[in-house]
C-alpha atoms as a PDB file:
ATOM      1  CA  MET A   1       0.000   0.000   0.000  1.00  0.00           C
ATOM      2  CA  GLN A   2       2.681   2.480   1.012  1.00  0.00           C
ATOM      3  CA  GLU A   3       4.640   1.867  -2.184  1.00  0.00           C
ATOM      4  CA  ALA A   4       1.578   2.741  -4.283  1.00  0.00           C
ATOM      5  CA  ILE A   5       0.806   5.851  -2.218  1.00  0.00           C
ATOM      6  CA  LEU A   6       4.412   7.042  -2.417  1.00  0.00           C
ATOM      7  CA  PHE A   7       4.405   6.534  -6.191  1.00  0.00           C
ATOM      8  CA  LEU A   8       1.227   8.625  -6.639  1.00  0.00           C
ATOM      9  CA  VAL A   9       2.293  11.344  -4.205  1.00  0.00           C
ATOM     10  CA  GLU A  10       5.610  11.760  -6.033  1.00  0.00           C
ATOM     11  CA  LYS A  11       3.939  11.580  -9.448  1.00  0.00           C
ATOM     12  CA  ASP A  12       1.134  14.094  -8.967  1.00  0.00           C
ATOM     13  CA  ALA A  13       0.641  17.166  -6.782  1.00  0.00           C
ATOM     14  CA  VAL A  14      -3.098  16.405  -6.492  1.00  0.00           C
ATOM     15  CA  PHE A  15      -2.393  13.109  -4.753  1.00  0.00           C
ATOM     16  CA  GLN A  16       0.225  14.759  -2.594  1.00  0.00           C
ATOM     17  CA  LYS A  17      -2.389  17.247  -1.416  1.00  0.00           C
ATOM     18  CA  LEU A  18      -5.008  14.517  -0.844  1.00  0.00           C
ATOM     19  CA  HIS A  19      -2.559  12.494   1.242  1.00  0.00           C
ATOM     20  CA  GLN A  20      -1.581  15.526   3.308  1.00  0.00           C
ATOM     21  CA  GLN A  21      -5.251  16.332   3.869  1.00  0.00           C
ATOM     22  CA  TYR A  22      -6.658  12.871   4.642  1.00  0.00           C
ATOM     23  CA  GLY A  23      -3.757  10.483   5.247  1.00  0.00           C
ATOM     24  CA  ASN A  24      -3.990   6.926   3.931  1.00  0.00           C
ATOM     25  CA  PRO A  25      -7.281   6.062   2.230  1.00  0.00           C
ATOM     26  CA  TYR A  26      -9.660   3.358   3.381  1.00  0.00           C
ATOM     27  CA  ILE A  27      -8.898   0.135   1.474  1.00  0.00           C
ATOM     28  CA  PRO A  28     -12.117  -1.809   0.900  1.00  0.00           C
ATOM     29  CA  SER A  29     -12.111  -5.566   0.502  1.00  0.00           C
ATOM     30  CA  ARG A  30     -14.741  -8.235  -0.034  1.00  0.00           C
ATOM     31  CA  PRO A  31     -14.545 -12.019  -0.294  1.00  0.00           C
ATOM     32  CA  GLU A  32     -14.289 -13.592  -3.713  1.00  0.00           C
ATOM     33  CA  GLY A  33     -17.287 -15.451  -5.021  1.00  0.00           C
ATOM     34  CA  PHE A  34     -20.944 -15.596  -5.895  1.00  0.00           C
ATOM     35  CA  VAL A  35     -22.320 -13.649  -2.915  1.00  0.00           C
ATOM     36  CA  THR A  36     -20.125 -10.617  -3.614  1.00  0.00           C
ATOM     37  CA  LEU A  37     -21.178 -10.558  -7.269  1.00  0.00           C
ATOM     38  CA  CYS A  38     -24.849 -10.783  -6.207  1.00  0.00           C
ATOM     39  CA  LYS A  39     -24.340  -7.826  -3.875  1.00  0.00           C
ATOM     40  CA  LEU A  40     -22.675  -5.817  -6.657  1.00  0.00           C
ATOM     41  CA  ILE A  41     -25.593  -6.495  -8.986  1.00  0.00           C
ATOM     42  CA  LEU A  42     -27.977  -5.249  -6.289  1.00  0.00           C
ATOM     43  CA  GLU A  43     -25.816  -2.133  -5.810  1.00  0.00           C
ATOM     44  CA  GLN A  44     -25.994  -1.063  -9.448  1.00  0.00           C
ATOM     45  CA  GLN A  45     -27.530   2.441  -9.677  1.00  0.00           C
ATOM     46  CA  VAL A  46     -28.918   2.439  -6.114  1.00  0.00           C
ATOM     47  CA  SER A  47     -27.578   3.457  -2.710  1.00  0.00           C
ATOM     48  CA  ILE A  48     -25.384   1.032  -0.795  1.00  0.00           C
ATOM     49  CA  ASP A  49     -27.836   1.102   2.119  1.00  0.00           C
ATOM     50  CA  SER A  50     -30.850   0.096   0.029  1.00  0.00           C
ATOM     51  CA  ALA A  51     -28.846  -2.657  -1.690  1.00  0.00           C
ATOM     52  CA  LYS A  52     -27.674  -3.949   1.694  1.00  0.00           C
ATOM     53  CA  ALA A  53     -31.251  -4.006   3.042  1.00  0.00           C
ATOM     54  CA  CYS A  54     -32.369  -5.870  -0.076  1.00  0.00           C
ATOM     55  CA  PHE A  55     -29.627  -8.484   0.296  1.00  0.00           C
ATOM     56  CA  LEU A  56     -30.457  -9.055   3.968  1.00  0.00           C
ATOM     57  CA  LYS A  57     -34.081  -9.787   3.007  1.00  0.00           C
ATOM     58  CA  ILE A  58     -32.878 -12.293   0.398  1.00  0.00           C
ATOM     59  CA  GLU A  59     -30.565 -13.894   2.961  1.00  0.00           C
ATOM     60  CA  ASN A  60     -33.370 -14.131   5.516  1.00  0.00           C
ATOM     61  CA  LEU A  61     -35.614 -15.703   2.896  1.00  0.00           C
ATOM     62  CA  LEU A  62     -33.104 -18.234   1.542  1.00  0.00           C
ATOM     63  CA  GLY A  63     -30.922 -18.906   4.567  1.00  0.00           C
ATOM     64  CA  THR A  64     -27.883 -19.325   2.336  1.00  0.00           C
ATOM     65  CA  VAL A  65     -27.366 -17.287  -0.831  1.00  0.00           C
ATOM     66  CA  SER A  66     -25.909 -19.654  -3.421  1.00  0.00           C
ATOM     67  CA  PRO A  67     -26.370 -20.399  -7.125  1.00  0.00           C
ATOM     68  CA  GLU A  68     -28.715 -23.232  -6.144  1.00  0.00           C
ATOM     69  CA  THR A  69     -30.925 -21.213  -3.780  1.00  0.00           C
ATOM     70  CA  ILE A  70     -31.146 -18.257  -6.180  1.00  0.00           C
ATOM     71  CA  SER A  71     -32.028 -20.558  -9.106  1.00  0.00           C
ATOM     72  CA  GLU A  72     -34.725 -22.314  -7.107  1.00  0.00           C
ATOM     73  CA  CYS A  73     -36.240 -19.141  -5.643  1.00  0.00           C
ATOM     74  CA  SER A  74     -39.327 -17.830  -7.424  1.00  0.00           C
ATOM     75  CA  ASP A  75     -39.261 -14.435  -9.097  1.00  0.00           C
ATOM     76  CA  GLU A  76     -42.161 -13.340  -6.880  1.00  0.00           C
ATOM     77  CA  ASP A  77     -40.261 -14.194  -3.693  1.00  0.00           C
ATOM     78  CA  LEU A  78     -37.223 -12.222  -4.888  1.00  0.00           C
ATOM     79  CA  LYS A  79     -39.475  -9.343  -5.881  1.00  0.00           C
ATOM     80  CA  SER A  80     -40.919  -9.363  -2.347  1.00  0.00           C
ATOM     81  CA  CYS A  81     -37.365  -8.706  -1.094  1.00  0.00           C
ATOM     82  CA  GLY A  82     -37.244  -5.506  -3.138  1.00  0.00           C
ATOM     83  CA  VAL A  83     -35.359  -6.842  -6.170  1.00  0.00           C
ATOM     84  CA  SER A  84     -36.394  -5.327  -9.506  1.00  0.00           C
ATOM     85  CA  ARG A  85     -37.488  -7.651 -12.315  1.00  0.00           C
ATOM     86  CA  GLN A  86     -34.345  -6.741 -14.288  1.00  0.00           C
ATOM     87  CA  LYS A  87     -32.035  -7.571 -11.379  1.00  0.00           C
ATOM     88  CA  ILE A  88     -33.924 -10.808 -10.680  1.00  0.00           C
ATOM     89  CA  SER A  89     -33.052 -11.892 -14.219  1.00  0.00           C
ATOM     90  CA  TYR A  90     -29.404 -10.829 -13.690  1.00  0.00           C
ATOM     91  CA  LEU A  91     -29.133 -12.851 -10.458  1.00  0.00           C
ATOM     92  CA  LYS A  92     -30.655 -15.908 -12.140  1.00  0.00           C
ATOM     93  CA  VAL A  93     -28.324 -15.620 -15.169  1.00  0.00           C
ATOM     94  CA  LEU A  94     -25.317 -15.354 -12.842  1.00  0.00           C
ATOM     95  CA  ALA A  95     -26.493 -18.361 -10.802  1.00  0.00           C
ATOM     96  CA  LYS A  96     -26.895 -20.427 -13.979  1.00  0.00           C
ATOM     97  CA  ALA A  97     -23.448 -19.398 -15.261  1.00  0.00           C
ATOM     98  CA  VAL A  98     -21.748 -20.297 -11.963  1.00  0.00           C
ATOM     99  CA  SER A  99     -23.579 -23.627 -11.846  1.00  0.00           C
ATOM    100  CA  GLU A 100     -22.671 -24.541 -15.412  1.00  0.00           C
ATOM    101  CA  GLU A 101     -19.444 -22.993 -16.697  1.00  0.00           C
ATOM    102  CA  LEU A 102     -18.105 -20.003 -14.732  1.00  0.00           C
ATOM    103  CA  ASP A 103     -15.396 -21.026 -12.239  1.00  0.00           C
ATOM    104  CA  LEU A 104     -15.201 -18.061  -9.867  1.00  0.00           C
ATOM    105  CA  GLU A 105     -12.377 -19.628  -7.852  1.00  0.00           C
ATOM    106  CA  SER A 106     -10.115 -19.624 -10.907  1.00  0.00           C
ATOM    107  CA  LEU A 107     -10.415 -15.864 -11.446  1.00  0.00           C
ATOM    108  CA  SER A 108      -7.808 -14.952  -8.822  1.00  0.00           C
ATOM    109  CA  ALA A 109      -5.144 -16.680 -10.936  1.00  0.00           C
ATOM    110  CA  LYS A 110      -6.051 -14.705 -14.074  1.00  0.00           C
ATOM    111  CA  THR A 111      -5.115 -11.253 -15.323  1.00  0.00           C
ATOM    112  CA  ALA A 112      -7.581  -8.385 -14.986  1.00  0.00           C
ATOM    113  CA  ASP A 113      -8.207  -8.505 -18.741  1.00  0.00           C
ATOM    114  CA  GLU A 114      -8.919 -12.237 -18.609  1.00  0.00           C
ATOM    115  CA  VAL A 115     -11.330 -11.766 -15.692  1.00  0.00           C
ATOM    116  CA  ARG A 116     -13.074  -8.953 -17.569  1.00  0.00           C
ATOM    117  CA  SER A 117     -13.456 -11.019 -20.738  1.00  0.00           C
ATOM    118  CA  GLU A 118     -15.092 -13.849 -18.737  1.00  0.00           C
ATOM    119  CA  LEU A 119     -17.440 -11.768 -16.589  1.00  0.00           C
ATOM    120  CA  ILE A 120     -18.566  -9.358 -19.321  1.00  0.00           C
ATOM    121  CA  LYS A 121     -20.252 -12.277 -21.119  1.00  0.00           C
ATOM    122  CA  ILE A 122     -22.780 -12.538 -18.272  1.00  0.00           C
ATOM    123  CA  LYS A 123     -25.890 -10.412 -18.766  1.00  0.00           C
ATOM    124  CA  GLY A 124     -26.161  -7.857 -15.983  1.00  0.00           C
ATOM    125  CA  ILE A 125     -22.441  -7.706 -15.242  1.00  0.00           C
ATOM    126  CA  GLY A 126     -20.944  -4.613 -16.828  1.00  0.00           C
ATOM    127  CA  HIS A 127     -17.626  -2.820 -16.492  1.00  0.00           C
ATOM    128  CA  TRP A 128     -18.475  -1.052 -13.197  1.00  0.00           C
ATOM    129  CA  THR A 129     -19.349  -4.363 -11.510  1.00  0.00           C
ATOM    130  CA  ILE A 130     -16.210  -5.996 -12.904  1.00  0.00           C
ATOM    131  CA  ASP A 131     -14.000  -3.070 -11.844  1.00  0.00           C
ATOM    132  CA  VAL A 132     -15.289  -3.156  -8.265  1.00  0.00           C
ATOM    133  CA  TYR A 133     -14.959  -6.950  -8.092  1.00  0.00           C
ATOM    134  CA  LEU A 134     -11.398  -6.737  -9.408  1.00  0.00           C
ATOM    135  CA  MET A 135     -10.458  -4.071  -6.858  1.00  0.00           C
ATOM    136  CA  PHE A 136     -12.340  -5.270  -3.779  1.00  0.00           C
ATOM    137  CA  ALA A 137     -12.305  -9.065  -4.153  1.00  0.00           C
ATOM    138  CA  LEU A 138      -9.273  -9.807  -6.324  1.00  0.00           C
ATOM    139  CA  GLN A 139      -7.073  -6.889  -5.167  1.00  0.00           C
ATOM    140  CA  SER A 140      -6.101  -6.002  -8.732  1.00  0.00           C
ATOM    141  CA  PRO A 141      -3.663  -3.090  -8.418  1.00  0.00           C
ATOM    142  CA  ASP A 142      -4.304  -1.171 -11.639  1.00  0.00           C
ATOM    143  CA  ILE A 143      -8.033  -0.504 -12.103  1.00  0.00           C
ATOM    144  CA  ILE A 144      -9.698   2.871 -12.760  1.00  0.00           C
ATOM    145  CA  PRO A 145     -13.516   2.590 -12.801  1.00  0.00           C
ATOM    146  CA  LEU A 146     -14.576   5.333 -15.193  1.00  0.00           C
ATOM    147  CA  GLY A 147     -18.139   4.022 -14.991  1.00  0.00           C
ATOM    148  CA  ASP A 148     -18.323   5.159 -11.371  1.00  0.00           C
ATOM    149  CA  ILE A 149     -20.045   8.529 -11.012  1.00  0.00           C
ATOM    150  CA  ALA A 150     -18.114   9.445  -7.850  1.00  0.00           C
ATOM    151  CA  ILE A 151     -14.774   8.851  -9.578  1.00  0.00           C
ATOM    152  CA  VAL A 152     -15.840  10.755 -12.695  1.00  0.00           C
ATOM    153  CA  ASN A 153     -17.051  13.751 -10.679  1.00  0.00           C
ATOM    154  CA  THR A 154     -13.948  13.775  -8.483  1.00  0.00           C
ATOM    155  CA  ILE A 155     -11.580  13.692 -11.460  1.00  0.00           C
ATOM    156  CA  LYS A 156     -13.564  16.536 -13.028  1.00  0.00           C
ATOM    157  CA  GLU A 157     -13.266  18.526  -9.811  1.00  0.00           C
ATOM    158  CA  LEU A 158      -9.594  17.902  -9.039  1.00  0.00           C
ATOM    159  CA  PHE A 159      -8.069  17.700 -12.526  1.00  0.00           C
ATOM    160  CA  ASP A 160     -10.414  19.925 -14.558  1.00  0.00           C
ATOM    161  CA  VAL A 161     -10.955  17.371 -17.303  1.00  0.00           C
ATOM    162  CA  HIS A 162     -14.430  16.589 -18.573  1.00  0.00           C
ATOM    163  CA  THR A 163     -14.469  13.708 -21.047  1.00  0.00           C
ATOM    164  CA  LYS A 164     -13.878   9.999 -20.397  1.00  0.00           C
ATOM    165  CA  GLU A 165     -11.089  10.104 -22.976  1.00  0.00           C
ATOM    166  CA  GLU A 166      -9.270  12.852 -21.071  1.00  0.00           C
ATOM    167  CA  MET A 167      -9.785  10.989 -17.799  1.00  0.00           C
ATOM    168  CA  ALA A 168      -8.411   7.777 -19.264  1.00  0.00           C
ATOM    169  CA  ALA A 169      -5.402   9.699 -20.604  1.00  0.00           C
ATOM    170  CA  ILE A 170      -4.671  11.308 -17.221  1.00  0.00           C
ATOM    171  CA  SER A 171      -5.012   7.956 -15.464  1.00  0.00           C
ATOM    172  CA  GLU A 172      -2.308   6.500 -17.711  1.00  0.00           C
ATOM    173  CA  THR A 173       0.233   8.427 -15.623  1.00  0.00           C
ATOM    174  CA  TRP A 174      -1.000   6.637 -12.471  1.00  0.00           C
ATOM    175  CA  LYS A 175      -0.118   3.167 -13.801  1.00  0.00           C
ATOM    176  CA  PRO A 176       0.559   0.627 -12.351  1.00  0.00           C
ATOM    177  CA  HIS A 177      -1.250   1.913  -9.243  1.00  0.00           C
ATOM    178  CA  ARG A 178      -4.594   3.138 -10.568  1.00  0.00           C
ATOM    179  CA  THR A 179      -6.510   1.159  -7.933  1.00  0.00           C
ATOM    180  CA  MET A 180      -4.814   3.113  -5.143  1.00  0.00           C
ATOM    181  CA  ALA A 181      -5.483   6.317  -7.079  1.00  0.00           C
ATOM    182  CA  THR A 182      -9.161   5.291  -7.151  1.00  0.00           C
ATOM    183  CA  PHE A 183      -9.186   4.673  -3.391  1.00  0.00           C
ATOM    184  CA  MET A 184      -7.644   8.111  -2.773  1.00  0.00           C
ATOM    185  CA  LEU A 185     -10.204   9.784  -5.049  1.00  0.00           C
ATOM    186  CA  TRP A 186     -13.094   7.938  -3.367  1.00  0.00           C
ATOM    187  CA  HIS A 187     -11.696   8.933   0.029  1.00  0.00           C
ATOM    188  CA  HIS A 188     -11.806  12.607  -0.987  1.00  0.00           C
ATOM    189  CA  TYR A 189     -15.312  12.253  -2.428  1.00  0.00           C
ATOM    190  CA  LEU A 190     -16.662  10.676   0.767  1.00  0.00           C
ATOM    191  CA  GLU A 191     -14.842  13.005   3.183  1.00  0.00           C
ATOM    192  CA  LYS A 192     -16.242  16.064   1.421  1.00  0.00           C
ATOM    193  CA  ARG A 193     -19.746  14.684   1.894  1.00  0.00           C
ATOM    194  CA  ASN A 194     -19.257  13.298   5.428  1.00  0.00           C
ATOM    195  CA  ARG A 195     -20.104   9.850   4.134  1.00  0.00           C
ATOM    196  CA  LYS A 196     -18.797   6.436   5.177  1.00  0.00           C
ATOM    197  CA  PRO A 197     -16.685   4.234   2.887  1.00  0.00           C
ATOM    198  CA  MET A 198     -18.337   1.749   0.546  1.00  0.00           C
ATOM    199  CA  VAL A 199     -18.046  -1.681   2.164  1.00  0.00           C
END
């Protein structure tokens, strides 16, 4: 962690200022596997709190959240937990993929690009979900999630760039530690709003 922070602080005055202001960022982590991917699907385009409440209802209903229990659960029961019809279909597609061909345990031995090429095939899992899974569950060191609104807005604010192309170009200078750069940018975003880290 310290090596990545030192690299960014020496590379860019913005990160130097962020580190002076806030210290080390919070480093989120989640376990690898099906449950984490289910939670990330539930978190798409809603608040973390509402997604967490939704997952707890599913867990209370099923006992154990697994590909088998999700596959066997009726759409109506999942809907009663607050899951939208679209996300019900995403959870079921993921459960089927894990049951049939997707080996989640093998992902930790693969490159970020290989993981992305496998997960992107699954309906309902887009680049934001993959980026967060890579960073939080697989500890990939060089991810910049430009599908995350907080990251986009923070880069706009701190670096005065406004297109995804410009953001991608700026982030090239943060390689191979773009994940730590992301954590520092998230830290700033949350501190400014008196909000807790995403866990």
